[in-house]
N, C-alpha and C. Protein backbone atom coordinates (compact mmCIF):
# COMPACT_ATOMS: atom_id res chain seq x y z
N MET A 1 59.18 126.29 144.10
CA MET A 1 59.07 127.37 145.05
C MET A 1 57.60 127.56 145.39
N ALA A 2 57.33 127.67 146.66
CA ALA A 2 55.95 127.89 147.11
C ALA A 2 55.53 129.32 146.83
N PRO A 3 54.27 129.52 146.51
CA PRO A 3 53.81 130.90 146.27
C PRO A 3 53.89 131.73 147.55
N ALA A 4 54.08 133.02 147.37
CA ALA A 4 54.18 133.93 148.51
C ALA A 4 52.84 134.02 149.22
N ALA A 5 52.90 134.15 150.53
CA ALA A 5 51.69 134.38 151.32
C ALA A 5 51.45 135.88 151.37
N VAL A 6 50.42 136.31 150.69
CA VAL A 6 50.12 137.74 150.59
C VAL A 6 48.91 138.06 151.43
N ASP A 7 49.05 139.08 152.25
CA ASP A 7 47.94 139.58 153.03
C ASP A 7 47.38 140.77 152.27
N TYR A 8 46.36 140.53 151.47
CA TYR A 8 45.77 141.60 150.69
C TYR A 8 44.88 142.44 151.59
N ALA A 9 45.51 143.41 152.25
CA ALA A 9 44.80 144.27 153.20
C ALA A 9 43.94 145.29 152.48
N ALA A 10 44.10 145.37 151.18
CA ALA A 10 43.40 146.43 150.45
C ALA A 10 42.41 145.87 149.45
N VAL A 11 41.19 146.16 149.68
CA VAL A 11 40.12 145.94 148.72
C VAL A 11 39.30 147.21 148.73
N SER A 12 38.31 147.29 147.91
CA SER A 12 37.57 148.55 147.80
C SER A 12 36.94 148.99 149.12
N THR A 13 36.74 148.07 150.06
CA THR A 13 36.16 148.44 151.35
C THR A 13 37.24 148.67 152.41
N ASP A 14 38.51 148.54 152.05
CA ASP A 14 39.58 148.69 153.01
C ASP A 14 39.68 150.13 153.49
N PRO A 15 39.90 150.34 154.79
CA PRO A 15 40.00 151.71 155.33
C PRO A 15 41.12 152.53 154.69
N ALA A 16 42.25 151.89 154.32
CA ALA A 16 43.34 152.64 153.69
C ALA A 16 42.90 153.17 152.32
N TYR A 17 42.18 152.34 151.59
CA TYR A 17 41.72 152.75 150.26
C TYR A 17 40.66 153.84 150.36
N ASN A 18 39.84 153.74 151.38
CA ASN A 18 38.76 154.71 151.55
C ASN A 18 39.18 155.94 152.35
N ASN A 19 40.47 156.03 152.67
CA ASN A 19 41.02 157.22 153.32
C ASN A 19 40.43 157.44 154.72
N SER A 20 40.19 156.37 155.46
CA SER A 20 39.60 156.53 156.79
C SER A 20 40.52 156.10 157.93
N LEU A 21 41.79 155.81 157.64
CA LEU A 21 42.75 155.48 158.70
C LEU A 21 43.50 156.74 159.11
N SER A 22 43.91 156.81 160.37
CA SER A 22 44.65 157.98 160.83
C SER A 22 46.16 157.81 160.69
N HIS A 23 46.65 156.56 160.55
CA HIS A 23 48.08 156.29 160.39
C HIS A 23 48.28 155.17 159.37
N ALA A 24 49.49 155.10 158.85
CA ALA A 24 49.84 154.06 157.88
C ALA A 24 49.76 152.68 158.52
N PRO A 25 49.16 151.71 157.85
CA PRO A 25 49.02 150.36 158.42
C PRO A 25 50.25 149.49 158.15
N PHE A 26 51.38 149.81 158.79
CA PHE A 26 52.59 149.01 158.62
C PHE A 26 52.45 147.68 159.34
N ALA A 27 52.86 146.60 158.68
CA ALA A 27 52.90 145.28 159.33
C ALA A 27 54.16 145.21 160.18
N ASP A 28 54.07 144.53 161.33
CA ASP A 28 55.21 144.41 162.24
C ASP A 28 56.17 143.29 161.87
N ASP A 29 55.68 142.29 161.15
CA ASP A 29 56.46 141.08 160.94
C ASP A 29 56.78 140.77 159.48
N LYS A 30 56.37 141.61 158.56
CA LYS A 30 56.62 141.37 157.13
C LYS A 30 56.60 142.70 156.40
N PRO A 31 57.18 142.74 155.20
CA PRO A 31 57.16 143.99 154.43
C PRO A 31 55.73 144.42 154.09
N THR A 32 55.53 145.73 154.02
CA THR A 32 54.26 146.31 153.62
C THR A 32 54.46 147.05 152.31
N LEU A 33 53.75 146.63 151.28
CA LEU A 33 53.82 147.27 149.96
C LEU A 33 52.61 148.16 149.78
N PHE A 34 52.86 149.44 149.52
CA PHE A 34 51.79 150.39 149.21
C PHE A 34 51.75 150.49 147.69
N SER A 35 50.60 150.15 147.13
CA SER A 35 50.53 149.91 145.70
C SER A 35 49.21 150.41 145.12
N ASN A 36 49.10 150.30 143.81
CA ASN A 36 47.83 150.51 143.12
C ASN A 36 47.81 149.56 141.94
N ASN A 37 46.75 148.78 141.83
CA ASN A 37 46.68 147.74 140.80
C ASN A 37 46.72 148.27 139.38
N LEU A 38 46.44 149.54 139.18
CA LEU A 38 46.45 150.11 137.83
C LEU A 38 47.81 150.69 137.42
N CYS A 39 48.74 150.75 138.35
CA CYS A 39 50.06 151.34 138.09
C CYS A 39 51.05 150.25 137.66
N PRO A 40 51.62 150.35 136.46
CA PRO A 40 52.57 149.31 136.02
C PRO A 40 53.84 149.27 136.87
N PHE A 41 54.25 150.39 137.42
CA PHE A 41 55.44 150.42 138.27
C PHE A 41 55.17 149.71 139.59
N ALA A 42 53.99 149.90 140.12
CA ALA A 42 53.60 149.20 141.34
C ALA A 42 53.49 147.70 141.08
N GLN A 43 53.03 147.34 139.89
CA GLN A 43 52.94 145.92 139.55
C GLN A 43 54.31 145.27 139.48
N ARG A 44 55.31 146.02 139.04
CA ARG A 44 56.68 145.51 139.00
C ARG A 44 57.15 145.14 140.41
N ALA A 45 56.90 146.01 141.37
CA ALA A 45 57.28 145.74 142.75
C ALA A 45 56.49 144.56 143.32
N ASN A 46 55.20 144.52 143.00
CA ASN A 46 54.35 143.43 143.46
C ASN A 46 54.86 142.08 142.92
N LEU A 47 55.20 142.03 141.65
CA LEU A 47 55.71 140.79 141.05
C LEU A 47 57.04 140.37 141.67
N ALA A 48 57.91 141.33 141.96
CA ALA A 48 59.19 141.00 142.60
C ALA A 48 58.96 140.35 143.95
N LEU A 49 58.03 140.88 144.72
CA LEU A 49 57.73 140.30 146.04
C LEU A 49 57.10 138.91 145.89
N LEU A 50 56.19 138.77 144.93
CA LEU A 50 55.57 137.45 144.71
C LEU A 50 56.62 136.43 144.29
N GLU A 51 57.52 136.81 143.41
CA GLU A 51 58.57 135.89 142.94
C GLU A 51 59.54 135.51 144.06
N SER A 52 59.74 136.42 145.01
CA SER A 52 60.67 136.13 146.09
C SER A 52 60.15 135.05 147.03
N GLY A 53 58.83 134.90 147.07
CA GLY A 53 58.23 133.89 147.92
C GLY A 53 58.07 134.31 149.37
N ILE A 54 58.39 135.55 149.70
CA ILE A 54 58.25 135.99 151.09
C ILE A 54 56.83 136.49 151.34
N PRO A 55 56.33 136.33 152.55
CA PRO A 55 55.02 136.90 152.87
C PRO A 55 55.11 138.41 152.97
N PHE A 56 54.09 139.10 152.51
CA PHE A 56 54.05 140.55 152.62
C PHE A 56 52.61 141.03 152.68
N GLN A 57 52.45 142.23 153.18
CA GLN A 57 51.12 142.86 153.24
C GLN A 57 51.04 143.86 152.10
N LYS A 58 49.95 143.85 151.38
CA LYS A 58 49.75 144.79 150.28
C LYS A 58 48.61 145.74 150.65
N VAL A 59 48.90 147.03 150.58
CA VAL A 59 47.91 148.05 150.88
C VAL A 59 47.64 148.83 149.61
N GLU A 60 46.43 148.78 149.15
CA GLU A 60 46.03 149.48 147.93
C GLU A 60 45.79 150.96 148.25
N ILE A 61 46.42 151.83 147.46
CA ILE A 61 46.28 153.27 147.64
C ILE A 61 45.48 153.83 146.47
N ASN A 62 44.45 154.58 146.78
CA ASN A 62 43.62 155.21 145.75
C ASN A 62 44.36 156.45 145.24
N PRO A 63 44.78 156.47 143.98
CA PRO A 63 45.56 157.61 143.49
C PRO A 63 44.75 158.91 143.41
N GLN A 64 43.45 158.81 143.34
CA GLN A 64 42.61 160.00 143.26
C GLN A 64 42.31 160.61 144.63
N SER A 65 42.51 159.82 145.67
CA SER A 65 42.22 160.30 147.03
C SER A 65 43.18 159.63 148.02
N LYS A 66 44.43 160.02 147.95
CA LYS A 66 45.43 159.41 148.84
C LYS A 66 45.16 159.78 150.28
N PRO A 67 45.38 158.85 151.19
CA PRO A 67 45.20 159.15 152.62
C PRO A 67 46.14 160.27 153.06
N SER A 68 45.72 161.04 154.03
CA SER A 68 46.53 162.17 154.51
C SER A 68 47.86 161.70 155.08
N TRP A 69 47.93 160.52 155.64
CA TRP A 69 49.16 160.00 156.22
C TRP A 69 50.16 159.52 155.18
N TYR A 70 49.72 159.33 153.94
CA TYR A 70 50.63 158.75 152.93
C TYR A 70 51.83 159.65 152.67
N ASN A 71 51.63 160.94 152.52
CA ASN A 71 52.75 161.86 152.25
C ASN A 71 53.69 162.01 153.44
N THR A 72 53.16 161.98 154.64
CA THR A 72 54.00 162.21 155.82
C THR A 72 54.65 160.95 156.37
N GLU A 73 53.97 159.82 156.28
CA GLU A 73 54.48 158.58 156.89
C GLU A 73 55.08 157.59 155.91
N VAL A 74 54.72 157.71 154.64
CA VAL A 74 55.17 156.70 153.68
C VAL A 74 56.06 157.31 152.60
N ASN A 75 55.52 158.15 151.74
CA ASN A 75 56.28 158.67 150.61
C ASN A 75 55.99 160.15 150.41
N PRO A 76 56.93 161.02 150.73
CA PRO A 76 56.71 162.46 150.57
C PRO A 76 56.43 162.88 149.13
N ARG A 77 56.86 162.06 148.18
CA ARG A 77 56.60 162.37 146.77
C ARG A 77 55.19 161.95 146.35
N SER A 78 54.49 161.26 147.24
CA SER A 78 53.10 160.88 147.03
C SER A 78 52.88 159.96 145.84
N LYS A 79 53.85 159.07 145.59
CA LYS A 79 53.73 158.13 144.47
C LYS A 79 53.72 156.70 145.00
N VAL A 80 53.20 155.80 144.19
CA VAL A 80 53.30 154.37 144.46
C VAL A 80 54.22 153.78 143.39
N PRO A 81 54.93 152.73 143.69
CA PRO A 81 54.91 151.94 144.91
C PRO A 81 55.87 152.48 145.97
N SER A 82 55.61 152.07 147.18
CA SER A 82 56.49 152.30 148.32
C SER A 82 56.44 151.04 149.18
N MET A 83 57.52 150.77 149.88
CA MET A 83 57.55 149.56 150.71
C MET A 83 58.29 149.83 152.01
N LYS A 84 57.71 149.36 153.09
CA LYS A 84 58.35 149.42 154.41
C LYS A 84 58.70 148.01 154.82
N ASP A 85 59.99 147.75 155.00
CA ASP A 85 60.45 146.47 155.50
C ASP A 85 60.70 146.66 156.99
N PRO A 86 60.08 145.86 157.86
CA PRO A 86 60.25 146.07 159.30
C PRO A 86 61.68 145.88 159.78
N GLN A 87 62.55 145.31 158.96
CA GLN A 87 63.94 145.09 159.35
C GLN A 87 64.83 146.30 159.07
N VAL A 88 64.31 147.30 158.36
CA VAL A 88 65.08 148.52 158.09
C VAL A 88 64.29 149.72 158.62
N ASP A 89 64.98 150.83 158.78
CA ASP A 89 64.35 151.98 159.42
C ASP A 89 63.83 153.02 158.43
N SER A 90 63.68 152.66 157.17
CA SER A 90 63.21 153.63 156.20
C SER A 90 62.22 152.99 155.24
N VAL A 91 61.53 153.84 154.52
CA VAL A 91 60.58 153.38 153.50
C VAL A 91 61.29 153.45 152.16
N LEU A 92 61.19 152.39 151.38
CA LEU A 92 61.80 152.34 150.06
C LEU A 92 60.78 152.81 149.02
N VAL A 93 61.24 153.59 148.07
CA VAL A 93 60.37 154.10 147.01
C VAL A 93 61.00 153.82 145.65
N GLU A 94 60.20 153.94 144.60
CA GLU A 94 60.60 153.70 143.21
C GLU A 94 60.70 152.20 142.93
N SER A 95 60.01 151.76 141.91
CA SER A 95 59.90 150.34 141.61
C SER A 95 61.24 149.68 141.29
N ALA A 96 62.13 150.35 140.57
CA ALA A 96 63.42 149.76 140.25
C ALA A 96 64.23 149.49 141.51
N LEU A 97 64.21 150.43 142.45
CA LEU A 97 64.93 150.24 143.72
C LEU A 97 64.30 149.14 144.55
N LEU A 98 62.98 149.07 144.55
CA LEU A 98 62.29 148.02 145.31
C LEU A 98 62.62 146.64 144.76
N THR A 99 62.58 146.49 143.44
CA THR A 99 62.87 145.16 142.86
C THR A 99 64.31 144.76 143.12
N GLU A 100 65.23 145.71 143.03
CA GLU A 100 66.63 145.41 143.31
C GLU A 100 66.82 145.01 144.78
N TYR A 101 66.20 145.75 145.68
CA TYR A 101 66.29 145.44 147.11
C TYR A 101 65.74 144.04 147.40
N VAL A 102 64.58 143.74 146.88
CA VAL A 102 63.97 142.42 147.11
C VAL A 102 64.83 141.32 146.53
N ALA A 103 65.37 141.52 145.32
CA ALA A 103 66.22 140.50 144.70
C ALA A 103 67.48 140.25 145.51
N GLU A 104 68.09 141.30 146.04
CA GLU A 104 69.32 141.13 146.81
C GLU A 104 69.06 140.57 148.20
N LYS A 105 68.03 141.09 148.87
CA LYS A 105 67.79 140.67 150.26
C LYS A 105 67.17 139.29 150.37
N TYR A 106 66.28 138.96 149.46
CA TYR A 106 65.55 137.69 149.58
C TYR A 106 65.89 136.69 148.49
N ALA A 107 67.06 136.83 147.87
CA ALA A 107 67.45 135.95 146.78
C ALA A 107 67.62 134.50 147.20
N GLN A 108 67.95 134.25 148.44
CA GLN A 108 68.23 132.89 148.90
C GLN A 108 67.01 132.16 149.41
N ARG A 109 65.85 132.74 149.30
CA ARG A 109 64.63 132.08 149.80
C ARG A 109 64.05 131.17 148.77
């Protein structure tokens, strides 16, 4: 299996991490994972996406200074991980649900 193509949109200089974007940076053509590298639950979702082999965009969220749009556009509970799949009309939250969704939807890849 080929490794997943990950668009690591989040590094320490990324606008989402630095809280300088006005809206959530959802990708139009692939799932967007909102994560934090220090959160074990977010790592579970990240590993599920990597194992699936599908391309996805990863946006790092600073837990100490979450962007203002995160609660309104992504996850009202203000937790990571969260994922927006452009093929569905909602944002998925909670790592167990994300891993189950990825395993069921992308199992044949």
